[in-house]
Structure formats: C-alpha cells, structure tokens
Amino acid sequence: MSRYKPKAKKLRLAKKGKQTRWAPLWLIPKLNKGLRKIHPSRYTAKKRSWRKTKTKA
C-alpha cells in the first residue's frame, strides 16, 4: 500500500477496522447468562481477517 493515502481512503479503512473488533467484555456474561465462557470475537457482527478477505476500500 502507498505511503501517502487520501483522507477518504483512510476513513474507509478505519471504519473497516472498527467493524472487526471484539465485542465488549461486559457483554459476554450478559448474553450467556453467566453459564459458559465464550470468546468475545464470537459476537462480532462482521468477521474479517486482513489476510483472507480484502475490503476493496
């Protein structure tokens, strides 16, 4: 990727980066009723890896 990016592209890439974050840790016991320990990434809306799927941003 180029060293100098246009601001619009930076904003698109930042948005894509925010969408792939883990769910908040306080949300996990609330969703599971405290029964099981589940990784926060299971509750991420959009799962994407930078290696596997490209964003076309």
PDB file of N, CA and C in Angstrom:
ATOM      1  N   MET A   1       0.842  -1.176   0.000  1.00  0.00           N
ATOM      2  CA  MET A   1       0.000   0.000   0.000  1.00  0.00           C
ATOM      3  C   MET A   1       0.889   1.241   0.000  1.00  0.00           C
ATOM      4  N   SER A   2       0.383   2.290  -0.546  1.00  0.00           N
ATOM      5  CA  SER A   2       1.186   3.500  -0.669  1.00  0.00           C
ATOM      6  C   SER A   2       1.429   4.142   0.686  1.00  0.00           C
ATOM      7  N   ARG A   3       2.447   4.954   0.708  1.00  0.00           N
ATOM      8  CA  ARG A   3       2.807   5.607   1.952  1.00  0.00           C
ATOM      9  C   ARG A   3       1.837   6.746   2.274  1.00  0.00           C
ATOM     10  N   TYR A   4       1.446   7.500   1.259  1.00  0.00           N
ATOM     11  CA  TYR A   4       0.536   8.629   1.447  1.00  0.00           C
ATOM     12  C   TYR A   4      -0.839   8.256   0.913  1.00  0.00           C
ATOM     13  N   LYS A   5      -1.814   8.233   1.796  1.00  0.00           N
ATOM     14  CA  LYS A   5      -3.161   7.829   1.417  1.00  0.00           C
ATOM     15  C   LYS A   5      -4.100   9.023   1.445  1.00  0.00           C
ATOM     16  N   PRO A   6      -5.082   9.076   0.561  1.00  0.00           N
ATOM     17  CA  PRO A   6      -6.087  10.129   0.637  1.00  0.00           C
ATOM     18  C   PRO A   6      -6.911   9.977   1.918  1.00  0.00           C
ATOM     19  N   LYS A   7      -7.428  11.079   2.394  1.00  0.00           N
ATOM     20  CA  LYS A   7      -8.170  11.055   3.650  1.00  0.00           C
ATOM     21  C   LYS A   7      -9.417  10.169   3.560  1.00  0.00           C
ATOM     22  N   ALA A   8     -10.090  10.164   2.418  1.00  0.00           N
ATOM     23  CA  ALA A   8     -11.299   9.347   2.259  1.00  0.00           C
ATOM     24  C   ALA A   8     -10.969   7.865   2.403  1.00  0.00           C
ATOM     25  N   LYS A   9      -9.845   7.445   1.832  1.00  0.00           N
ATOM     26  CA  LYS A   9      -9.455   6.036   1.931  1.00  0.00           C
ATOM     27  C   LYS A   9      -9.091   5.679   3.365  1.00  0.00           C
ATOM     28  N   LYS A  10      -8.427   6.597   4.057  1.00  0.00           N
ATOM     29  CA  LYS A  10      -8.082   6.363   5.459  1.00  0.00           C
ATOM     30  C   LYS A  10      -9.333   6.178   6.304  1.00  0.00           C
ATOM     31  N   LEU A  11     -10.350   6.991   6.036  1.00  0.00           N
ATOM     32  CA  LEU A  11     -11.599   6.885   6.792  1.00  0.00           C
ATOM     33  C   LEU A  11     -12.297   5.559   6.511  1.00  0.00           C
ATOM     34  N   ARG A  12     -12.279   5.116   5.252  1.00  0.00           N
ATOM     35  CA  ARG A  12     -12.902   3.829   4.920  1.00  0.00           C
ATOM     36  C   ARG A  12     -12.173   2.682   5.605  1.00  0.00           C
ATOM     37  N   LEU A  13     -10.848   2.726   5.599  1.00  0.00           N
ATOM     38  CA  LEU A  13     -10.061   1.672   6.239  1.00  0.00           C
ATOM     39  C   LEU A  13     -10.266   1.677   7.752  1.00  0.00           C
ATOM     40  N   ALA A  14     -10.397   2.861   8.340  1.00  0.00           N
ATOM     41  CA  ALA A  14     -10.634   2.955   9.785  1.00  0.00           C
ATOM     42  C   ALA A  14     -11.986   2.357  10.144  1.00  0.00           C
ATOM     43  N   LYS A  15     -12.990   2.606   9.327  1.00  0.00           N
ATOM     44  CA  LYS A  15     -14.319   2.050   9.584  1.00  0.00           C
ATOM     45  C   LYS A  15     -14.288   0.529   9.514  1.00  0.00           C
ATOM     46  N   LYS A  16     -13.602  -0.010   8.508  1.00  0.00           N
ATOM     47  CA  LYS A  16     -13.498  -1.464   8.383  1.00  0.00           C
ATOM     48  C   LYS A  16     -12.756  -2.062   9.577  1.00  0.00           C
ATOM     49  N   GLY A  17     -11.768  -1.342  10.070  1.00  0.00           N
ATOM     50  CA  GLY A  17     -11.025  -1.827  11.232  1.00  0.00           C
ATOM     51  C   GLY A  17     -11.867  -1.853  12.484  1.00  0.00           C
ATOM     52  N   LYS A  18     -12.753  -0.869  12.638  1.00  0.00           N
ATOM     53  CA  LYS A  18     -13.621  -0.822  13.814  1.00  0.00           C
ATOM     54  C   LYS A  18     -14.686  -1.910  13.782  1.00  0.00           C
ATOM     55  N   GLN A  19     -15.109  -2.311  12.575  1.00  0.00           N
ATOM     56  CA  GLN A  19     -16.171  -3.307  12.456  1.00  0.00           C
ATOM     57  C   GLN A  19     -15.709  -4.705  12.862  1.00  0.00           C
ATOM     58  N   THR A  20     -14.417  -4.952  12.859  1.00  0.00           N
ATOM     59  CA  THR A  20     -13.928  -6.294  13.152  1.00  0.00           C
ATOM     60  C   THR A  20     -13.420  -6.425  14.587  1.00  0.00           C
ATOM     61  N   ARG A  21     -13.715  -5.460  15.444  1.00  0.00           N
ATOM     62  CA  ARG A  21     -13.274  -5.552  16.832  1.00  0.00           C
ATOM     63  C   ARG A  21     -14.089  -6.578  17.605  1.00  0.00           C
ATOM     64  N   TRP A  22     -13.512  -7.035  18.730  1.00  0.00           N
ATOM     65  CA  TRP A  22     -14.233  -7.944  19.614  1.00  0.00           C
ATOM     66  C   TRP A  22     -15.399  -7.219  20.260  1.00  0.00           C
ATOM     67  N   ALA A  23     -16.347  -8.003  20.713  1.00  0.00           N
ATOM     68  CA  ALA A  23     -17.452  -7.453  21.497  1.00  0.00           C
ATOM     69  C   ALA A  23     -16.904  -7.012  22.858  1.00  0.00           C
ATOM     70  N   PRO A  24     -17.564  -6.064  23.531  1.00  0.00           N
ATOM     71  CA  PRO A  24     -17.091  -5.641  24.850  1.00  0.00           C
ATOM     72  C   PRO A  24     -17.139  -6.797  25.844  1.00  0.00           C
ATOM     73  N   LEU A  25     -16.188  -6.819  26.770  1.00  0.00           N
ATOM     74  CA  LEU A  25     -16.095  -7.943  27.707  1.00  0.00           C
ATOM     75  C   LEU A  25     -17.282  -8.006  28.660  1.00  0.00           C
ATOM     76  N   TRP A  26     -17.907  -6.874  28.958  1.00  0.00           N
ATOM     77  CA  TRP A  26     -19.048  -6.908  29.877  1.00  0.00           C
ATOM     78  C   TRP A  26     -20.279  -7.512  29.220  1.00  0.00           C
ATOM     79  N   LEU A  27     -20.266  -7.618  27.900  1.00  0.00           N
ATOM     80  CA  LEU A  27     -21.420  -8.137  27.176  1.00  0.00           C
ATOM     81  C   LEU A  27     -21.496  -9.669  27.207  1.00  0.00           C
ATOM     82  N   ILE A  28     -20.370 -10.337  27.367  1.00  0.00           N
ATOM     83  CA  ILE A  28     -20.313 -11.794  27.262  1.00  0.00           C
ATOM     84  C   ILE A  28     -21.146 -12.479  28.349  1.00  0.00           C
ATOM     85  N   PRO A  29     -20.957 -12.177  29.642  1.00  0.00           N
ATOM     86  CA  PRO A  29     -21.798 -12.845  30.643  1.00  0.00           C
ATOM     87  C   PRO A  29     -23.271 -12.483  30.500  1.00  0.00           C
ATOM     88  N   LYS A  30     -23.536 -11.281  29.995  1.00  0.00           N
ATOM     89  CA  LYS A  30     -24.927 -10.848  29.823  1.00  0.00           C
ATOM     90  C   LYS A  30     -25.627 -11.704  28.765  1.00  0.00           C
ATOM     91  N   LEU A  31     -24.937 -12.008  27.672  1.00  0.00           N
ATOM     92  CA  LEU A  31     -25.539 -12.797  26.607  1.00  0.00           C
ATOM     93  C   LEU A  31     -25.629 -14.278  26.957  1.00  0.00           C
ATOM     94  N   ASN A  32     -24.648 -14.783  27.726  1.00  0.00           N
ATOM     95  CA  ASN A  32     -24.605 -16.207  28.061  1.00  0.00           C
ATOM     96  C   ASN A  32     -25.296 -16.526  29.369  1.00  0.00           C
ATOM     97  N   LYS A  33     -25.816 -15.538  30.049  1.00  0.00           N
ATOM     98  CA  LYS A  33     -26.408 -15.717  31.378  1.00  0.00           C
ATOM     99  C   LYS A  33     -25.390 -16.283  32.371  1.00  0.00           C
ATOM    100  N   GLY A  34     -24.088 -16.048  32.105  1.00  0.00           N
ATOM    101  CA  GLY A  34     -23.034 -16.485  33.016  1.00  0.00           C
ATOM    102  C   GLY A  34     -22.756 -17.970  32.998  1.00  0.00           C
ATOM    103  N   LEU A  35     -23.278 -18.705  32.017  1.00  0.00           N
ATOM    104  CA  LEU A  35     -23.125 -20.161  32.019  1.00  0.00           C
ATOM    105  C   LEU A  35     -21.813 -20.621  31.394  1.00  0.00           C
ATOM    106  N   ARG A  36     -21.447 -20.044  30.250  1.00  0.00           N
ATOM    107  CA  ARG A  36     -20.265 -20.517  29.543  1.00  0.00           C
ATOM    108  C   ARG A  36     -19.309 -19.363  29.291  1.00  0.00           C
ATOM    109  N   LYS A  37     -18.038 -19.703  29.204  1.00  0.00           N
ATOM    110  CA  LYS A  37     -17.037 -18.712  28.807  1.00  0.00           C
ATOM    111  C   LYS A  37     -16.859 -18.821  27.300  1.00  0.00           C
ATOM    112  N   ILE A  38     -17.197 -17.766  26.593  1.00  0.00           N
ATOM    113  CA  ILE A  38     -17.092 -17.746  25.139  1.00  0.00           C
ATOM    114  C   ILE A  38     -16.229 -16.560  24.743  1.00  0.00           C
ATOM    115  N   HIS A  39     -15.407 -16.762  23.738  1.00  0.00           N
ATOM    116  CA  HIS A  39     -14.502 -15.705  23.275  1.00  0.00           C
ATOM    117  C   HIS A  39     -15.301 -14.533  22.718  1.00  0.00           C
ATOM    118  N   PRO A  40     -14.898 -13.300  23.021  1.00  0.00           N
ATOM    119  CA  PRO A  40     -15.646 -12.119  22.562  1.00  0.00           C
ATOM    120  C   PRO A  40     -15.750 -11.984  21.047  1.00  0.00           C
ATOM    121  N   SER A  41     -14.856 -12.619  20.303  1.00  0.00           N
ATOM    122  CA  SER A  41     -14.923 -12.491  18.851  1.00  0.00           C
ATOM    123  C   SER A  41     -16.113 -13.239  18.265  1.00  0.00           C
ATOM    124  N   ARG A  42     -16.731 -14.134  19.039  1.00  0.00           N
ATOM    125  CA  ARG A  42     -17.909 -14.849  18.534  1.00  0.00           C
ATOM    126  C   ARG A  42     -19.087 -13.912  18.337  1.00  0.00           C
ATOM    127  N   TYR A  43     -19.098 -12.806  19.064  1.00  0.00           N
ATOM    128  CA  TYR A  43     -20.215 -11.870  18.995  1.00  0.00           C
ATOM    129  C   TYR A  43     -19.909 -10.646  18.141  1.00  0.00           C
ATOM    130  N   THR A  44     -18.873 -10.738  17.326  1.00  0.00           N
ATOM    131  CA  THR A  44     -18.546  -9.652  16.414  1.00  0.00           C
ATOM    132  C   THR A  44     -19.489  -9.723  15.216  1.00  0.00           C
ATOM    133  N   ALA A  45     -20.028  -8.588  14.817  1.00  0.00           N
ATOM    134  CA  ALA A  45     -21.014  -8.577  13.736  1.00  0.00           C
ATOM    135  C   ALA A  45     -20.398  -9.005  12.407  1.00  0.00           C
ATOM    136  N   LYS A  46     -19.251  -8.426  12.068  1.00  0.00           N
ATOM    137  CA  LYS A  46     -18.623  -8.736  10.780  1.00  0.00           C
ATOM    138  C   LYS A  46     -17.228  -9.291  11.040  1.00  0.00           C
ATOM    139  N   LYS A  47     -17.038 -10.556  10.728  1.00  0.00           N
ATOM    140  CA  LYS A  47     -15.741 -11.190  10.938  1.00  0.00           C
ATOM    141  C   LYS A  47     -14.943 -11.108   9.632  1.00  0.00           C
ATOM    142  N   ARG A  48     -13.737 -10.605   9.742  1.00  0.00           N
ATOM    143  CA  ARG A  48     -12.880 -10.499   8.561  1.00  0.00           C
ATOM    144  C   ARG A  48     -11.434 -10.477   9.015  1.00  0.00           C
ATOM    145  N   SER A  49     -10.589 -11.186   8.295  1.00  0.00           N
ATOM    146  CA  SER A  49      -9.166 -11.173   8.565  1.00  0.00           C
ATOM    147  C   SER A  49      -8.474 -10.385   7.458  1.00  0.00           C
ATOM    148  N   TRP A  50      -7.459  -9.655   7.805  1.00  0.00           N
ATOM    149  CA  TRP A  50      -6.764  -8.853   6.804  1.00  0.00           C
ATOM    150  C   TRP A  50      -6.052  -9.744   5.794  1.00  0.00           C
ATOM    151  N   ARG A  51      -5.751 -10.979   6.163  1.00  0.00           N
ATOM    152  CA  ARG A  51      -5.068 -11.877   5.239  1.00  0.00           C
ATOM    153  C   ARG A  51      -6.038 -12.567   4.280  1.00  0.00           C
ATOM    154  N   LYS A  52      -7.187 -12.992   4.786  1.00  0.00           N
ATOM    155  CA  LYS A  52      -8.081 -13.830   3.994  1.00  0.00           C
ATOM    156  C   LYS A  52      -8.992 -13.040   3.063  1.00  0.00           C
ATOM    157  N   THR A  53      -9.653 -11.995   3.571  1.00  0.00           N
ATOM    158  CA  THR A  53     -10.652 -11.282   2.792  1.00  0.00           C
ATOM    159  C   THR A  53     -10.222  -9.832   2.590  1.00  0.00           C
ATOM    160  N   LYS A  54     -10.269  -9.374   1.377  1.00  0.00           N
ATOM    161  CA  LYS A  54      -9.914  -7.991   1.077  1.00  0.00           C
ATOM    162  C   LYS A  54     -11.158  -7.113   1.155  1.00  0.00           C
ATOM    163  N   THR A  55     -10.969  -5.826   1.448  1.00  0.00           N
ATOM    164  CA  THR A  55     -12.098  -4.933   1.713  1.00  0.00           C
ATOM    165  C   THR A  55     -12.554  -4.152   0.497  1.00  0.00           C
ATOM    166  N   LYS A  56     -11.706  -3.990  -0.500  1.00  0.00           N
ATOM    167  CA  LYS A  56     -11.986  -3.135  -1.662  1.00  0.00           C
ATOM    168  C   LYS A  56     -12.276  -1.699  -1.219  1.00  0.00           C
ATOM    169  N   ALA A  57     -11.574  -1.255  -0.201  1.00  0.00           N
ATOM    170  CA  ALA A  57     -11.792   0.100   0.314  1.00  0.00           C
ATOM    171  C   ALA A  57     -11.020   1.114  -0.505  1.00  0.00           C
TER     172      ALA A  57
END
